[in-house]
Each structure stands twice: as structure tokens, then as C-alpha cells.
């Protein structure tokens, strides 16, 4: 808990604040020993910030909503943090001496956020080879200390300053990049994912445009247009908001935007409410929804289709149990590269607790503080500190000499020209069973066959090695069937 609070308290203030605010802060620091001068400097800075917010945001954003603690918190910039990392930057709603995690039934708990169609990563280029870029980020709290960007023919390489087009040759080792990547990534080290947009030439005095997909466009009771996106961000265009084509050569209007469109959004400040709200300076149209759908339907290669699949239905986390209370387990992982240093597992009546050794059923009473667990959790999680999510499967009794089974949902089953069966899953993983692979019921008592598997089934797949391709491929030793999608939701 203390580590989560420390991460929050170390959030940098927005780069986009006006020069007057920055000068006011510096002046206050130089005269801190003079309390009355410091008080005046602080008041002046607050007034300037309030003036900026009042001028930039529409009327309904200027006053925090009653009971919305998050909307009254400090504002943060679009600084390239991933949704995973952003879970640790939410406002604290508890008192400083509170160590109790939020409860799902608690009305003050943060709302759940569905998985976005892209994840933002940030780092320094350490390798460029074969159309791939290795990014490294050694900053504390980085969700992906290493990630391999796979550049495709559809990857946009843009200048972070003005969105002008760039090429791979414009990127060099040592450069700082922001990238928006597919949530479907390999489980290799480092993980690899297709890149949708890569920003180079990162500006020092402005935020990199946000990459998002429009999920809804509506008009509020106040007459303001609201553009809802999959990045937990609501755009409220003002009179000064420019809507442009991707290259900026064509002026568009808000009426040219539609649900499903992919856009780039440039803004300086946003509220800390959930979802966040901002009045954007500029919106650029990357692709229309119908064009994106057409491109998707024309893809006939199973590997490419799997790599571009929707976000996984589950996320795997691992760590040490530090607290068990009220049907919830607090996991902590201080290893370098851990995407979730802390995560609160919410156990429901449908959560499976299994032995990692033989998949035999266990109970919460079999888990103790200090145990190491693997858990497959919902991508929809709260933005509390620590983040909380429902657990689908929790593995205890972790074996030292074999891998923990992989939890996945089958998205397609194909037969190759060589007669082999290819089971496509939502974990960016293709299973290719051979004659030695066993298909069993969850408890292992019933022998099944590949013909018993169907799209939508949730399975556990045990294998020892997999390829580092995108998507990864593996020959499973064993597949256990948990049930259909309707049975596990």
C-alpha cells in the first residue's frame, strides 16, 4: 500500500501548465522560509491554475461533481503511461492512515474500466532489427520495462511534435519513443506486440497526442458534444478545437467523426475524474470505422488475424500473498518488470482455486500469507490503489519444475493443409496438439477429444516451450476444458 501511495505522490505535474504557474512554483520554493511570502505565492499559483482551467474547459467541467473525489484531484498529462501503469496514478480517496483496500461493494470504489484496443508504452530504443524496435524503460512503475515493437505495413511512424509522417530510418538507437501497441502480445521476454502508432521526436514542452478509438458520440443536456473513447477519456470539443485529416492538410468538422473511428487527440490538461474529460486542442482522423473493418475482414492469414485479435479476456499476474481478507487476496510482486507490483484479487463464487501442479481443486483456506500465486484476472479493474479485479483462476502450490497451465479462451479452431489442428486463443497463442496431447475435463476424470472443443470454450493448456513468434505457438501436453464462455461469465 505504501509503495502505491509513493508512486502516486511522485506523479509529475503536467508539462502543459502555463509559464506563470511554473514561475509561481519556483518563486514559492526560493522563499519557502518566509511563510507569508510562500502563502501568497501558493495562492497566486492556485489562482492562475484555476484561471487556465476556467478558460480551457467547458462550464460543466469547471466544478467537480458532488461526491466525486477523483474529479477534485490534481490533473495529469497524457505522458505515455499504459493503462496498467495508469491504475497506480488515480487519486487517493482514503485517508493517509488507511490501509484497507477498496471493496467491490463500496460505493466509493472506482468504476471498472474495460480493456482498450491499444496500450501506450514509452521508452528508449536499444535495438532496431528486422522491422522491430526494442524499447526499454527503467523508470520506477513502468508497466513494460522492455517491449518489442513489431512494425507492420500499417504502423504509423509520426513526429510527436506535429504528427508529420516519418520512417523507420528516422529512428536511431538512443531515441525516446512513445508507441501505441496491440494488447495482444506474446508471453516471451521481452513481450512482443504489433505497433499501431510510433511517435518519435518527442517534444519537451507538450504532450504526445493520444491514440484512441471513438466508442460513442452524444450531446449532453448542456448542449456540449461528448466524444467517448476507449482510452477512458471523454473529449468535449470547444470552438477552438481543430479537426483535421491525419496529415493536417484537410480541415474537417466534428460531424465527420463517427463511432469506431481511430483518432489522434492533442490536449494539455484533463480532469482526474473517471473517465477523464478534456477539451482538446486538436483531433486528427487516422482511419474511419468502415475502412478499419474492411481491412480486418480482408486478412486471411491465421497468424496475422490472431496477432490483431481483440484484447485478451484475461490478464495473468503473479506475486506473493501479503493479505487475505473478506474474500480478497492482496498480491505483491517487487521483481523488475512486474506489470502489477500490487493487485487485489477479488474472489467470486465462480473463481477457480487450483493446484498449479495437477489442477486439483483447492479452497481459500489452502492459501496463506507468504504463498506464491499465479492468477488470471479480468482486464476490467478499478483504478484504486492497488487496482482490483475479479479473479477467474487462482493457482496455488506452484511447481518448481514445470510451467503453470495457461488460462485461455478459444477464438477459432482450424485444420492446416498438413491435417494438424490449430487452436487459436485470445492469449495471442496458437495451440497445435499432437498425438500425445491429452484433452481432459477440468477435474481430469473424463477423457475428451479435440472434437469436444469449441469456439468460446475456456481452457487450461499445459506446455513447456513455445515459439517467440507473433502469435506464439506451442504443442500442448494437456488441455483441460473449463466450460463455455456463457458458463464462466
Protein backbone atom coordinates (compact mmCIF):
# COMPACT_ATOMS: atom_id res chain seq x y z
CA UNK A 1 0.00 0.00 0.00
CA UNK A 2 2.80 2.43 0.93
CA UNK A 3 4.52 1.75 -2.36
CA UNK A 4 1.32 2.55 -4.26
CA UNK A 5 0.94 5.82 -2.35
CA UNK A 6 4.55 6.71 -3.04
CA UNK A 7 4.02 6.09 -6.77
CA UNK A 8 1.02 8.41 -6.72
CA UNK A 9 2.81 11.13 -4.81
CA UNK A 10 5.65 11.04 -7.34
CA UNK A 11 3.37 11.79 -10.31
CA UNK A 12 4.88 14.71 -12.27
CA UNK A 13 2.75 17.79 -12.73
CA UNK A 14 1.55 18.45 -16.31
CA UNK A 15 4.14 19.78 -18.75
CA UNK A 16 1.43 21.89 -20.26
CA UNK A 17 0.93 24.24 -17.35
CA UNK A 18 1.40 27.87 -18.19
CA UNK A 19 4.72 29.66 -17.61
CA UNK A 20 3.05 31.79 -14.97
CA UNK A 21 2.26 28.74 -12.86
CA UNK A 22 5.78 27.33 -13.22
CA UNK A 23 7.32 30.67 -12.21
CA UNK A 24 4.95 30.91 -9.25
CA UNK A 25 6.01 27.46 -8.05
CA UNK A 26 9.75 28.24 -8.40
CA UNK A 27 9.31 31.54 -6.61
CA UNK A 28 7.48 29.82 -3.77
CA UNK A 29 10.34 27.35 -3.38
CA UNK A 30 13.00 30.09 -3.23
CA UNK A 31 11.16 31.86 -0.41
CA UNK A 32 9.85 28.88 1.50
CA UNK A 33 11.45 30.08 4.71
CA UNK A 34 9.28 33.16 4.62
CA UNK A 35 5.89 31.77 5.41
CA UNK A 36 3.86 34.78 4.47
CA UNK A 37 5.54 35.10 1.07
CA UNK A 38 5.11 31.37 0.47
CA UNK A 39 1.42 31.66 1.27
CA UNK A 40 0.98 34.49 -1.22
CA UNK A 41 2.94 32.56 -3.90
CA UNK A 42 0.84 29.46 -3.37
CA UNK A 43 -2.40 31.44 -3.59
CA UNK A 44 -1.22 33.16 -6.78
CA UNK A 45 -0.30 29.84 -8.39
CA UNK A 46 -3.70 28.37 -7.46
CA UNK A 47 -5.47 31.38 -8.98
CA UNK A 48 -3.52 31.11 -12.24
CA UNK A 49 -4.23 27.38 -12.49
CA UNK A 50 -7.90 27.98 -11.80
CA UNK A 51 -7.93 30.66 -14.48
CA UNK A 52 -6.39 28.24 -17.02
CA UNK A 53 -8.95 25.55 -16.23
CA UNK A 54 -11.83 28.01 -16.45
CA UNK A 55 -10.65 29.29 -19.83
CA UNK A 56 -9.97 25.89 -21.37
CA UNK A 57 -12.69 23.59 -20.09
CA UNK A 58 -16.45 23.90 -20.69
CA UNK A 59 -18.67 25.03 -17.88
CA UNK A 60 -19.67 21.56 -16.76
CA UNK A 61 -16.03 20.60 -16.23
CA UNK A 62 -15.12 23.63 -14.13
CA UNK A 63 -16.84 22.42 -10.98
CA UNK A 64 -16.17 18.94 -9.57
CA UNK A 65 -19.23 16.75 -9.31
CA UNK A 66 -20.64 16.29 -5.84
CA UNK A 67 -19.07 13.29 -4.14
CA UNK A 68 -16.55 12.77 -6.94
CA UNK A 69 -13.23 12.81 -5.09
CA UNK A 70 -11.29 11.89 -8.22
CA UNK A 71 -12.51 14.96 -10.11
CA UNK A 72 -11.12 17.19 -7.36
CA UNK A 73 -7.65 15.68 -7.58
CA UNK A 74 -4.60 17.02 -9.35
CA UNK A 75 -4.63 16.87 -13.15
CA UNK A 76 -2.12 14.72 -15.01
CA UNK A 77 -0.75 14.94 -18.56
CA UNK A 78 -1.02 12.41 -21.35
CA UNK A 79 2.51 11.23 -20.64
CA UNK A 80 2.65 7.86 -22.33
CA UNK A 81 1.73 5.69 -19.37
CA UNK A 82 -0.01 2.45 -20.14
CA UNK A 83 -3.43 1.62 -18.73
CA UNK A 84 -1.70 -0.74 -16.34
CA UNK A 85 0.57 1.99 -15.07
CA UNK A 86 -2.30 4.47 -15.03
CA UNK A 87 -4.06 2.29 -12.48
CA UNK A 88 -1.49 3.50 -9.97
CA UNK A 89 -1.92 7.21 -10.76
CA UNK A 90 -5.55 7.51 -9.70
CA UNK A 91 -6.46 9.86 -6.88
CA UNK A 92 -6.38 8.50 -3.33
CA UNK A 93 -9.86 8.50 -1.85
CA UNK A 94 -8.90 7.12 1.54
CA UNK A 95 -7.23 8.91 4.44
CA UNK A 96 -3.45 8.78 4.83
CA UNK A 97 -3.59 6.23 7.65
CA UNK A 98 -5.97 3.91 5.82
CA UNK A 99 -4.54 0.59 4.67
CA UNK A 100 -7.79 -1.12 3.79
CA UNK A 101 -8.24 -1.92 0.08
CA UNK A 102 -11.45 -0.86 -1.61
CA UNK A 103 -14.32 -3.31 -1.66
CA UNK A 104 -16.39 -4.05 -4.80
CA UNK A 105 -19.50 -3.24 -2.81
CA UNK A 106 -18.04 0.06 -1.62
CA UNK A 107 -19.91 2.84 -3.48
CA UNK A 108 -16.77 4.99 -3.33
CA UNK A 109 -14.69 2.40 -5.18
CA UNK A 110 -13.54 3.47 -8.63
CA UNK A 111 -15.60 2.28 -11.56
CA UNK A 112 -14.37 -0.55 -13.72
CA UNK A 113 -12.63 0.14 -16.99
CA UNK A 114 -12.96 -2.18 -19.96
CA UNK A 115 -9.82 -3.11 -21.84
CA UNK A 116 -8.85 -0.55 -24.52
CA UNK A 117 -7.98 -1.50 -28.10
CA UNK A 118 -4.43 -0.20 -27.63
CA UNK A 119 -1.84 0.22 -24.88
CA UNK A 120 0.66 3.08 -24.71
CA UNK A 121 4.28 2.30 -23.93
CA UNK A 122 7.25 4.59 -23.59
CA UNK A 123 11.00 4.10 -23.56
CA UNK A 124 14.43 4.35 -25.12
CA UNK A 125 15.37 2.50 -28.30
CA UNK A 126 18.07 -0.08 -27.55
CA UNK A 127 17.85 -2.17 -30.73
CA UNK A 128 16.44 -1.92 -34.25
CA UNK A 129 16.43 -5.10 -36.32
CA UNK A 130 14.24 -6.77 -38.96
CA UNK A 131 11.43 -4.23 -38.68
CA UNK A 132 11.33 -4.48 -34.91
CA UNK A 133 12.25 -1.94 -32.22
CA UNK A 134 13.26 -2.91 -28.71
CA UNK A 135 12.15 -0.29 -26.16
CA UNK A 136 13.50 -0.17 -22.61
CA UNK A 137 12.16 1.87 -19.71
CA UNK A 138 13.93 1.63 -16.35
CA UNK A 139 11.71 4.18 -14.60
CA UNK A 140 10.00 3.01 -11.41
CA UNK A 141 6.44 1.95 -12.09
CA UNK A 142 6.94 1.30 -15.81
CA UNK A 143 4.44 -1.41 -16.73
CA UNK A 144 6.70 -2.71 -19.50
CA UNK A 145 10.42 -2.29 -18.68
CA UNK A 146 11.06 -3.95 -22.04
CA UNK A 147 8.77 -4.39 -25.03
CA UNK A 148 9.47 -5.38 -28.62
CA UNK A 149 7.54 -3.29 -31.16
CA UNK A 150 6.65 -5.24 -34.30
CA UNK A 151 6.26 -2.77 -37.18
CA UNK A 152 3.77 -3.80 -39.86
CA UNK A 153 2.84 -2.16 -43.15
CA UNK A 154 0.01 -0.41 -41.30
CA UNK A 155 2.17 1.00 -38.49
CA UNK A 156 2.17 4.81 -38.40
CA UNK A 157 5.51 6.45 -37.61
CA UNK A 158 4.86 10.08 -36.75
CA UNK A 159 6.59 13.09 -35.27
CA UNK A 160 5.38 13.71 -31.74
CA UNK A 161 5.66 17.44 -32.41
CA UNK A 162 3.39 17.94 -35.41
CA UNK A 163 2.20 14.42 -36.44
CA UNK A 164 4.12 14.66 -39.71
CA UNK A 165 4.99 11.29 -41.24
CA UNK A 166 8.37 9.70 -40.50
CA UNK A 167 10.01 6.40 -41.44
CA UNK A 168 11.98 3.74 -39.62
CA UNK A 169 15.18 5.30 -40.96
CA UNK A 170 14.39 8.42 -38.92
CA UNK A 171 14.66 6.40 -35.68
CA UNK A 172 18.03 5.58 -34.10
CA UNK A 173 19.27 3.70 -31.05
CA UNK A 174 19.09 6.03 -28.06
CA UNK A 175 15.96 7.84 -29.25
CA UNK A 176 12.97 8.20 -26.95
CA UNK A 177 9.72 6.88 -28.38
CA UNK A 178 6.03 6.66 -27.45
CA UNK A 179 4.13 3.81 -29.04
CA UNK A 180 0.54 2.62 -29.09
CA UNK A 181 0.51 -1.16 -29.37
CA UNK A 182 -1.94 -4.04 -29.53
CA UNK A 183 -2.93 -5.52 -26.15
CA UNK A 184 -2.44 -8.93 -27.80
CA UNK A 185 1.21 -9.71 -27.15
CA UNK A 186 3.47 -12.70 -26.81
CA UNK A 187 4.39 -14.11 -23.41
CA UNK A 188 8.05 -14.09 -24.37
CA UNK A 189 10.68 -12.00 -22.60
CA UNK A 190 10.53 -9.26 -23.69
CA UNK A 191 6.88 -9.35 -24.77
CA UNK A 192 6.25 -8.50 -28.43
CA UNK A 193 3.23 -6.72 -29.91
CA UNK A 194 2.21 -5.09 -33.17
CA UNK A 195 2.58 -1.32 -33.10
CA UNK A 196 -0.31 0.83 -34.34
CA UNK A 197 1.45 4.18 -33.97
CA UNK A 198 5.03 5.09 -33.08
CA UNK A 199 5.90 8.67 -32.10
CA UNK A 200 9.47 9.92 -32.44
CA UNK A 201 10.86 13.46 -31.98
CA UNK A 202 9.16 13.67 -28.60
CA UNK A 203 8.57 17.32 -27.60
CA UNK A 204 9.77 18.56 -24.22
CA UNK A 205 7.11 21.23 -23.76
CA UNK A 206 3.97 19.45 -24.95
CA UNK A 207 2.19 16.13 -24.55
CA UNK A 208 2.33 13.48 -27.27
CA UNK A 209 -1.08 13.11 -28.95
CA UNK A 210 -3.27 10.35 -27.51
CA UNK A 211 -4.19 7.48 -29.83
CA UNK A 212 -7.79 6.35 -29.32
CA UNK A 213 -10.87 4.83 -30.86
CA UNK A 214 -14.25 6.56 -30.64
CA UNK A 215 -16.86 4.43 -28.90
CA UNK A 216 -19.74 6.93 -28.73
CA UNK A 217 -20.71 10.48 -29.69
CA UNK A 218 -23.54 12.19 -27.81
CA UNK A 219 -24.80 15.62 -26.84
CA UNK A 220 -25.29 16.41 -23.17
CA UNK A 221 -28.12 18.36 -21.56
CA UNK A 222 -25.80 21.38 -21.53
CA UNK A 223 -25.53 21.26 -25.34
CA UNK A 224 -21.89 20.24 -25.36
CA UNK A 225 -20.82 17.39 -27.64
CA UNK A 226 -19.15 14.48 -25.87
CA UNK A 227 -16.86 12.09 -27.73
CA UNK A 228 -16.29 8.97 -25.67
CA UNK A 229 -13.17 6.92 -26.43
CA UNK A 230 -11.80 3.51 -25.50
CA UNK A 231 -8.97 5.16 -23.53
CA UNK A 232 -11.20 6.04 -20.57
CA UNK A 233 -11.25 9.61 -21.90
CA UNK A 234 -14.15 11.85 -22.90
CA UNK A 235 -13.43 14.66 -25.37
CA UNK A 236 -15.55 17.81 -25.22
CA UNK A 237 -14.59 19.86 -28.29
CA UNK A 238 -14.71 23.63 -27.94
CA UNK A 239 -14.90 26.41 -30.51
CA UNK A 240 -11.10 26.42 -30.79
CA UNK A 241 -10.78 22.64 -31.34
CA UNK A 242 -9.35 21.83 -34.78
CA UNK A 243 -10.47 18.66 -36.55
CA UNK A 244 -8.04 17.66 -39.29
CA UNK A 245 -7.08 14.83 -41.57
CA UNK A 246 -4.13 12.73 -40.41
CA UNK A 247 -1.58 14.75 -42.38
CA UNK A 248 -3.19 18.03 -41.32
CA UNK A 249 -3.76 19.18 -44.89
CA UNK A 250 -7.55 18.96 -44.79
CA UNK A 251 -9.86 20.70 -42.33
CA UNK A 252 -12.75 18.56 -41.13
CA UNK A 253 -15.59 19.09 -38.67
CA UNK A 254 -16.83 17.18 -35.66
CA UNK A 255 -19.71 15.93 -37.80
CA UNK A 256 -17.16 13.98 -39.86
CA UNK A 257 -16.36 11.81 -36.83
CA UNK A 258 -18.24 8.61 -36.00
CA UNK A 259 -18.15 5.74 -33.53
CA UNK A 260 -15.41 3.30 -34.49
CA UNK A 261 -13.12 5.95 -35.97
CA UNK A 262 -9.47 5.95 -34.89
CA UNK A 263 -8.15 9.38 -33.92
CA UNK A 264 -5.18 11.25 -32.51
CA UNK A 265 -6.01 13.81 -29.82
CA UNK A 266 -3.80 16.64 -28.63
CA UNK A 267 -4.62 18.30 -25.31
CA UNK A 268 -2.77 19.94 -22.43
CA UNK A 269 -4.84 19.21 -19.33
CA UNK A 270 -7.61 16.86 -18.28
CA UNK A 271 -9.70 16.20 -15.20
CA UNK A 272 -8.82 13.33 -12.87
CA UNK A 273 -12.39 12.04 -12.89
CA UNK A 274 -13.14 8.56 -14.18
CA UNK A 275 -13.44 8.69 -17.08
CA UNK A 276 -11.18 11.70 -17.55
CA UNK A 277 -12.51 14.66 -19.53
CA UNK A 278 -10.72 17.25 -21.62
CA UNK A 279 -11.33 19.98 -24.15
CA UNK A 280 -8.91 19.02 -26.95
CA UNK A 281 -6.87 21.49 -28.93
CA UNK A 282 -6.74 19.22 -31.98
CA UNK A 283 -8.28 15.97 -33.27
CA UNK A 284 -6.79 14.18 -36.26
CA UNK A 285 -8.68 11.43 -38.06
CA UNK A 286 -6.44 8.37 -38.52
CA UNK A 287 -8.95 5.94 -40.01
CA UNK A 288 -12.68 5.64 -40.50
CA UNK A 289 -14.51 2.77 -38.84
CA UNK A 290 -15.70 1.26 -42.12
CA UNK A 291 -12.16 1.31 -43.55
CA UNK A 292 -10.77 -0.40 -40.45
CA UNK A 293 -13.48 -3.06 -40.64
CA UNK A 294 -12.76 -3.68 -44.31
CA UNK A 295 -9.05 -4.10 -43.65
CA UNK A 296 -9.81 -6.52 -40.85
CA UNK A 297 -12.16 -8.66 -42.95
CA UNK A 298 -9.64 -8.94 -45.77
CA UNK A 299 -7.00 -10.51 -43.54
CA UNK A 300 -6.97 -14.24 -44.34
CA UNK A 301 -3.73 -15.27 -42.69
CA UNK A 302 -4.45 -17.01 -39.36
CA UNK A 303 -1.25 -15.79 -37.72
CA UNK A 304 -1.88 -12.17 -38.66
CA UNK A 305 -5.52 -12.45 -37.61
CA UNK A 306 -4.52 -13.81 -34.23
CA UNK A 307 -1.95 -11.06 -33.76
CA UNK A 308 -4.61 -8.43 -34.44
CA UNK A 309 -7.27 -10.08 -32.27
CA UNK A 310 -9.25 -8.24 -29.64
CA UNK A 311 -7.84 -7.70 -26.19
CA UNK A 312 -7.41 -10.82 -24.12
CA UNK A 313 -10.30 -11.79 -21.88
CA UNK A 314 -7.85 -12.26 -19.00
CA UNK A 315 -4.52 -10.97 -17.71
CA UNK A 316 -2.03 -13.13 -15.82
CA UNK A 317 -0.45 -11.79 -12.65
CA UNK A 318 1.85 -13.39 -10.14
CA UNK A 319 3.14 -12.46 -6.70
CA UNK A 320 3.33 -13.15 -3.01
CA UNK A 321 0.25 -13.09 -0.78
CA UNK A 322 0.53 -10.24 1.74
CA UNK A 323 -3.08 -10.07 2.93
CA UNK A 324 -6.22 -12.23 2.85
CA UNK A 325 -9.44 -10.57 3.94
CA UNK A 326 -13.14 -10.64 3.06
CA UNK A 327 -12.67 -12.96 0.09
CA UNK A 328 -9.89 -10.83 -1.35
CA UNK A 329 -6.19 -11.57 -1.76
CA UNK A 330 -3.55 -8.85 -1.99
CA UNK A 331 -0.63 -9.90 -4.20
CA UNK A 332 2.69 -8.07 -4.25
CA UNK A 333 5.50 -8.52 -6.75
CA UNK A 334 8.65 -6.42 -6.41
CA UNK A 335 10.52 -8.16 -9.22
CA UNK A 336 11.90 -6.00 -12.01
CA UNK A 337 9.49 -5.95 -14.94
CA UNK A 338 6.38 -6.86 -12.92
CA UNK A 339 3.42 -5.22 -14.66
CA UNK A 340 1.47 -5.10 -11.40
CA UNK A 341 3.63 -4.53 -8.29
CA UNK A 342 0.37 -4.78 -6.34
CA UNK A 343 -3.02 -6.17 -7.34
CA UNK A 344 -6.09 -7.06 -5.30
CA UNK A 345 -7.75 -10.33 -6.36
CA UNK A 346 -11.49 -10.31 -5.81
CA UNK A 347 -12.68 -13.90 -5.41
CA UNK A 348 -16.22 -14.55 -6.61
CA UNK A 349 -18.35 -17.69 -6.42
CA UNK A 350 -17.09 -18.56 -9.92
CA UNK A 351 -13.37 -18.18 -9.13
CA UNK A 352 -11.45 -21.43 -9.54
CA UNK A 353 -8.73 -22.12 -6.98
CA UNK A 354 -6.50 -24.86 -8.35
CA UNK A 355 -3.20 -26.55 -7.64
CA UNK A 356 -0.57 -25.44 -10.14
CA UNK A 357 0.86 -28.97 -10.05
CA UNK A 358 -2.13 -31.09 -11.06
CA UNK A 359 -5.13 -28.70 -11.39
CA UNK A 360 -6.86 -30.34 -8.42
CA UNK A 361 -9.44 -28.14 -6.71
CA UNK A 362 -8.35 -26.13 -3.68
CA UNK A 363 -10.05 -23.65 -1.33
CA UNK A 364 -9.23 -20.22 0.03
CA UNK A 365 -8.30 -21.90 3.30
CA UNK A 366 -5.44 -23.63 1.46
CA UNK A 367 -3.80 -20.25 0.78
CA UNK A 368 -1.69 -18.45 3.39
CA UNK A 369 0.16 -15.14 3.64
CA UNK A 370 3.61 -15.66 2.12
CA UNK A 371 2.43 -18.11 -0.56
CA UNK A 372 3.28 -17.52 -4.21
CA UNK A 373 0.26 -17.43 -6.52
CA UNK A 374 -0.47 -17.17 -10.21
CA UNK A 375 -3.83 -15.66 -11.11
CA UNK A 376 -5.75 -14.97 -14.31
CA UNK A 377 -7.86 -11.87 -13.77
CA UNK A 378 -10.33 -9.70 -15.65
CA UNK A 379 -8.82 -6.80 -17.65
CA UNK A 380 -11.66 -4.66 -16.24
CA UNK A 381 -10.25 -3.37 -13.00
CA UNK A 382 -10.68 -0.46 -10.64
CA UNK A 383 -8.31 2.49 -10.68
CA UNK A 384 -7.89 2.33 -6.93
CA UNK A 385 -4.51 1.82 -5.31
CA UNK A 386 -3.92 -1.10 -5.51
CA UNK A 387 -6.04 -1.93 -8.59
CA UNK A 388 -8.69 -4.58 -8.01
CA UNK A 389 -10.08 -7.14 -10.44
CA UNK A 390 -12.21 -10.27 -10.36
CA UNK A 391 -10.13 -13.45 -10.48
CA UNK A 392 -11.12 -16.20 -12.92
CA UNK A 393 -8.48 -18.72 -11.84
CA UNK A 394 -6.02 -18.70 -8.92
CA UNK A 395 -3.17 -21.21 -8.91
CA UNK A 396 -1.51 -22.13 -5.62
CA UNK A 397 1.07 -24.86 -4.88
CA UNK A 398 3.23 -23.53 -7.70
CA UNK A 399 5.57 -26.25 -9.05
CA UNK A 400 9.29 -25.56 -9.42
CA UNK A 401 9.96 -27.95 -12.29
CA UNK A 402 7.04 -27.33 -14.63
CA UNK A 403 5.05 -24.43 -16.04
CA UNK A 404 1.73 -23.33 -14.60
CA UNK A 405 -1.13 -24.05 -17.05
CA UNK A 406 -2.19 -21.16 -19.28
CA UNK A 407 -5.78 -19.95 -18.99
CA UNK A 408 -7.27 -19.00 -22.37
CA UNK A 409 -10.49 -18.76 -24.37
CA UNK A 410 -10.67 -20.44 -27.78
CA UNK A 411 -11.40 -17.93 -30.56
CA UNK A 412 -11.04 -20.25 -33.58
CA UNK A 413 -10.24 -23.85 -34.50
CA UNK A 414 -8.65 -24.56 -37.87
CA UNK A 415 -7.23 -27.53 -39.73
CA UNK A 416 -3.99 -26.95 -41.64
CA UNK A 417 -3.06 -28.37 -45.02
CA UNK A 418 -0.97 -30.95 -43.21
CA UNK A 419 -4.00 -32.12 -41.27
CA UNK A 420 -2.87 -30.64 -37.96
CA UNK A 421 -5.43 -28.88 -35.77
CA UNK A 422 -4.65 -25.28 -34.83
CA UNK A 423 -6.48 -23.91 -31.79
CA UNK A 424 -6.40 -20.09 -31.80
CA UNK A 425 -6.79 -18.47 -28.37
CA UNK A 426 -7.32 -14.97 -27.02
CA UNK A 427 -3.88 -15.08 -25.38
CA UNK A 428 -2.06 -14.48 -28.67
CA UNK A 429 -1.22 -18.16 -28.56
CA UNK A 430 -1.86 -20.93 -31.09
CA UNK A 431 -2.03 -24.48 -29.74
CA UNK A 432 -1.07 -27.28 -32.14
CA UNK A 433 -1.89 -30.58 -30.37
CA UNK A 434 -0.02 -33.71 -31.46
CA UNK A 435 -1.00 -37.32 -30.93
CA UNK A 436 0.41 -37.31 -27.38
CA UNK A 437 -1.69 -34.32 -26.24
CA UNK A 438 -4.43 -35.18 -23.77
CA UNK A 439 -7.82 -33.45 -23.67
CA UNK A 440 -9.49 -33.79 -20.29
CA UNK A 441 -12.34 -32.45 -18.20
CA UNK A 442 -11.35 -29.86 -15.60
CA UNK A 443 -11.04 -32.42 -12.81
CA UNK A 444 -9.13 -34.80 -15.10
CA UNK A 445 -11.61 -37.63 -14.59
CA UNK A 446 -13.08 -37.65 -18.11
CA UNK A 447 -11.06 -38.26 -21.26
CA UNK A 448 -12.20 -35.96 -24.10
CA UNK A 449 -11.10 -35.40 -27.69
CA UNK A 450 -10.27 -32.38 -29.85
CA UNK A 451 -13.72 -32.66 -31.40
CA UNK A 452 -15.19 -31.81 -27.98
CA UNK A 453 -13.56 -28.36 -28.10
CA UNK A 454 -15.47 -25.37 -29.48
CA UNK A 455 -15.01 -21.66 -30.04
CA UNK A 456 -15.78 -19.82 -26.81
CA UNK A 457 -14.57 -22.63 -24.53
CA UNK A 458 -12.36 -21.61 -21.62
CA UNK A 459 -9.42 -23.99 -21.28
CA UNK A 460 -6.24 -24.63 -19.33
CA UNK A 461 -3.28 -25.54 -21.53
CA UNK A 462 -0.09 -27.02 -20.10
CA UNK A 463 3.08 -26.78 -22.19
CA UNK A 464 6.79 -26.32 -21.53
CA UNK A 465 8.04 -24.34 -24.53
CA UNK A 466 6.59 -22.01 -27.12
CA UNK A 467 7.91 -20.08 -30.08
CA UNK A 468 8.80 -16.40 -29.84
CA UNK A 469 6.75 -15.65 -32.94
CA UNK A 470 3.72 -13.37 -33.03
CA UNK A 471 1.41 -15.07 -32.21
CA UNK A 472 3.32 -17.69 -30.22
CA UNK A 473 2.81 -21.39 -30.98
CA UNK A 474 3.06 -24.37 -28.66
CA UNK A 475 2.47 -28.13 -28.67
CA UNK A 476 0.41 -28.65 -25.50
CA UNK A 477 0.91 -31.72 -23.36
CA UNK A 478 -2.55 -31.33 -21.87
CA UNK A 479 -5.72 -29.31 -22.42
CA UNK A 480 -8.38 -29.16 -19.72
CA UNK A 481 -11.83 -27.82 -20.54
CA UNK A 482 -13.31 -25.41 -18.01
CA UNK A 483 -16.51 -24.60 -19.88
CA UNK A 484 -18.11 -22.36 -22.48
CA UNK A 485 -17.90 -18.57 -22.32
CA UNK A 486 -21.50 -18.34 -21.08
CA UNK A 487 -20.65 -20.64 -18.19
CA UNK A 488 -17.65 -18.63 -16.92
CA UNK A 489 -19.03 -15.09 -17.10
